[in-house]
Amino acid sequence: MALRGIDVSTYQGNINWSAVKASGIDFAIVKATQGRAVNSNSYLFTDRQFAANVTGAHDVGLKVGVYHYLTAKTVKKAQTEAAHFCETIAPYKPRIELWAAVDVEEDKYLPRNKKLLSDIVNGTTQVTEGISAGMGIDIKSLIMGALGGRMAADNNAPVVVVQPAKDVPAEQDEEPENE
């Protein structure tokens, strides 16, 4: 039997997690953090729906994993992003039953040099695994996303490709915020 899961972030708005569970979804991969913002110069931010999504998914009995959307162009920035990710997810440790993932997906944020990109991803996952182990989170970092699938062999890392959630049941009478 295949498990069904969804990838959620602030873009899905306020989610009706009971309806998601009732629709047959088994797990949620929740965006926690991102390096650089898409439409601004802000750096190291937490997804606005992160806390609500982790708590809501867990409270209805879904398995929960979390991810960081990688935008680093240097190993040092990747390590900074990874540390921010781990600090953000630490308070939610009891609710995270799956994995902490590094989402590697958009060329425009990442270096074109394959070796440098590989070093950045390795630097991110090493920091993430080290810090999360120190916090007592017994999970491994994964590489996910469109570029992540192509990098699996180069990095000897497990890869998960999860499609973004579409048509997720929303809470009634609430408009999703735009980022």
Foldseek 3Di string as FASTA:
>chain_A
DDAAEAEDALVVFAFPLLVVVVVRHAAYEYEFWEAQDDPDRDGIDGTPCRVVVLCSNQVNPHAYHYEYEYQDAALVSLLVNLVSSLVRCLVVLVSHDAAYEYEDEDPVRYDPPPVRRLSNRVSSQVNNVVSCVVSVRPHHYAYEYDVRVVCCVVNVGHYDYHDHDDPGHHDPPDDRDDD
